[in-house]
Protein backbone atom coordinates (compact mmCIF):
# COMPACT_ATOMS: atom_id res chain seq x y z
CA MET A 1 -25.90 255.67 22.09
CA ASP A 2 -24.24 254.72 18.82
CA ASP A 3 -24.68 251.30 17.19
CA SER A 4 -21.15 250.09 18.06
CA LYS A 5 -21.85 250.39 21.80
CA LYS A 6 -25.20 248.62 21.46
CA LYS A 7 -23.52 245.62 19.78
CA GLN A 8 -21.11 245.13 22.74
CA GLN A 9 -23.87 244.39 25.24
CA PRO A 10 -25.85 241.15 25.09
CA VAL A 11 -29.51 241.57 24.15
CA GLY A 12 -31.62 242.24 27.25
CA MET A 13 -28.60 242.96 29.49
CA GLN A 14 -28.61 246.74 29.73
CA HIS A 15 -26.04 247.93 32.27
CA ARG A 16 -27.27 250.44 34.84
CA ILE A 17 -26.09 251.55 38.28
CA THR A 18 -28.25 253.33 40.85
CA LEU A 19 -26.53 254.67 43.97
CA ASN A 20 -28.73 255.89 46.85
CA GLU A 21 -27.14 258.07 49.55
CA ARG A 22 -23.93 255.96 49.36
CA GLU A 23 -25.81 253.35 51.41
CA THR A 24 -27.27 251.11 48.70
CA VAL A 25 -26.25 250.39 45.13
CA SER A 26 -28.35 248.54 42.55
CA VAL A 27 -26.65 247.13 39.47
CA ASP A 28 -28.40 245.80 36.36
CA GLY A 29 -26.57 243.83 33.68
CA VAL A 30 -24.71 241.59 36.15
CA THR A 31 -23.51 238.34 34.56
CA ASN A 32 -21.41 236.95 37.44
CA VAL A 33 -20.22 237.73 40.98
CA GLU A 34 -16.46 237.06 40.97
CA SER A 35 -15.92 237.63 44.70
CA PHE A 36 -17.28 239.57 47.63
CA ASP A 37 -16.50 240.42 51.21
CA ASP A 38 -17.47 243.24 53.55
CA GLN A 39 -15.08 245.71 51.84
CA GLU A 40 -15.16 244.83 48.13
CA VAL A 41 -17.49 243.23 45.60
CA ILE A 42 -16.17 242.25 42.16
CA LEU A 43 -18.80 241.81 39.45
CA GLU A 44 -18.76 240.85 35.82
CA THR A 45 -21.29 243.02 33.98
CA SER A 46 -22.36 243.44 30.40
CA ALA A 47 -20.17 246.59 30.37
CA GLY A 48 -17.05 245.03 31.93
CA VAL A 49 -15.68 244.14 35.36
CA LEU A 50 -16.98 246.41 38.13
CA LEU A 51 -15.35 246.77 41.56
CA ILE A 52 -17.44 248.18 44.39
CA HIS A 53 -15.42 249.39 47.38
CA GLY A 54 -16.93 250.13 50.76
CA LYS A 55 -17.40 249.22 54.39
CA GLU A 56 -19.80 246.67 55.92
CA LEU A 57 -21.00 245.64 52.45
CA HIS A 58 -23.49 242.83 52.08
CA ILE A 59 -25.55 241.55 49.20
CA LYS A 60 -29.21 242.21 49.85
CA HIS A 61 -30.53 240.81 46.56
CA LEU A 62 -28.99 238.79 43.73
CA ASN A 63 -30.70 237.36 40.64
CA LEU A 64 -28.24 236.35 37.92
CA ASP A 65 -31.07 235.16 35.66
CA ASP A 66 -32.36 238.75 35.48
CA GLY A 67 -28.89 240.29 35.99
CA ASN A 68 -29.89 242.25 39.12
CA LEU A 69 -27.86 242.88 42.27
CA GLU A 70 -28.42 245.12 45.29
CA ILE A 71 -25.75 245.84 47.88
CA GLU A 72 -26.12 247.60 51.25
CA GLY A 73 -23.36 249.20 53.33
CA PHE A 74 -21.28 252.35 53.02
CA ILE A 75 -20.08 252.77 49.43
CA HIS A 76 -16.61 254.32 49.05
CA GLY A 77 -16.33 253.97 45.29
CA LEU A 78 -17.22 252.25 42.05
CA GLU A 79 -14.45 251.36 39.63
CA TYR A 80 -14.26 249.55 36.30
CA SER A 81 -11.16 247.46 35.80
CA ASP A 82 -9.12 247.53 32.59
CA GLU A 83 -10.59 244.23 31.45
CA GLY A 84 -13.36 244.50 28.91
CA PRO A 85 -16.69 242.67 28.93
CA GLY A 86 -16.41 238.90 29.25
CA LYS A 87 -12.92 238.89 30.80
CA LYS A 88 -12.32 237.64 34.33
CA ALA A 89 -11.23 239.93 37.13
CA LYS A 90 -7.63 239.56 38.27
CA GLY A 91 -7.01 237.99 41.63
CA LEU A 92 -5.90 240.09 44.57
CA LEU A 93 -2.25 239.38 43.87
CA GLY A 94 -2.64 240.35 40.21
CA ARG A 95 -4.26 243.67 41.15
CA LEU A 96 -1.54 244.46 43.71
CA LEU A 97 1.32 243.75 41.26
CA LYS A 98 0.01 245.66 38.25
């Protein structure tokens, strides 16, 4: 990883995603949970805003002090929004009208 990418992430907040059998996803580097329901979770991470799409999603573990999150359910997809690190996710209406 080059030095410019290292400078973008806060110290100690390395971003990492682990997906197991599309049934659980663990995310490190989580700074905030914007919103969640059983079909979508929107997270602010040290690498930007992350959208997790799925079915019957629920948060099994969350520790914002350590930046850890674990979600169970059926994962359809992971998507980073156009916003960079530190920017808020758009609301549902904003995403639909883009």
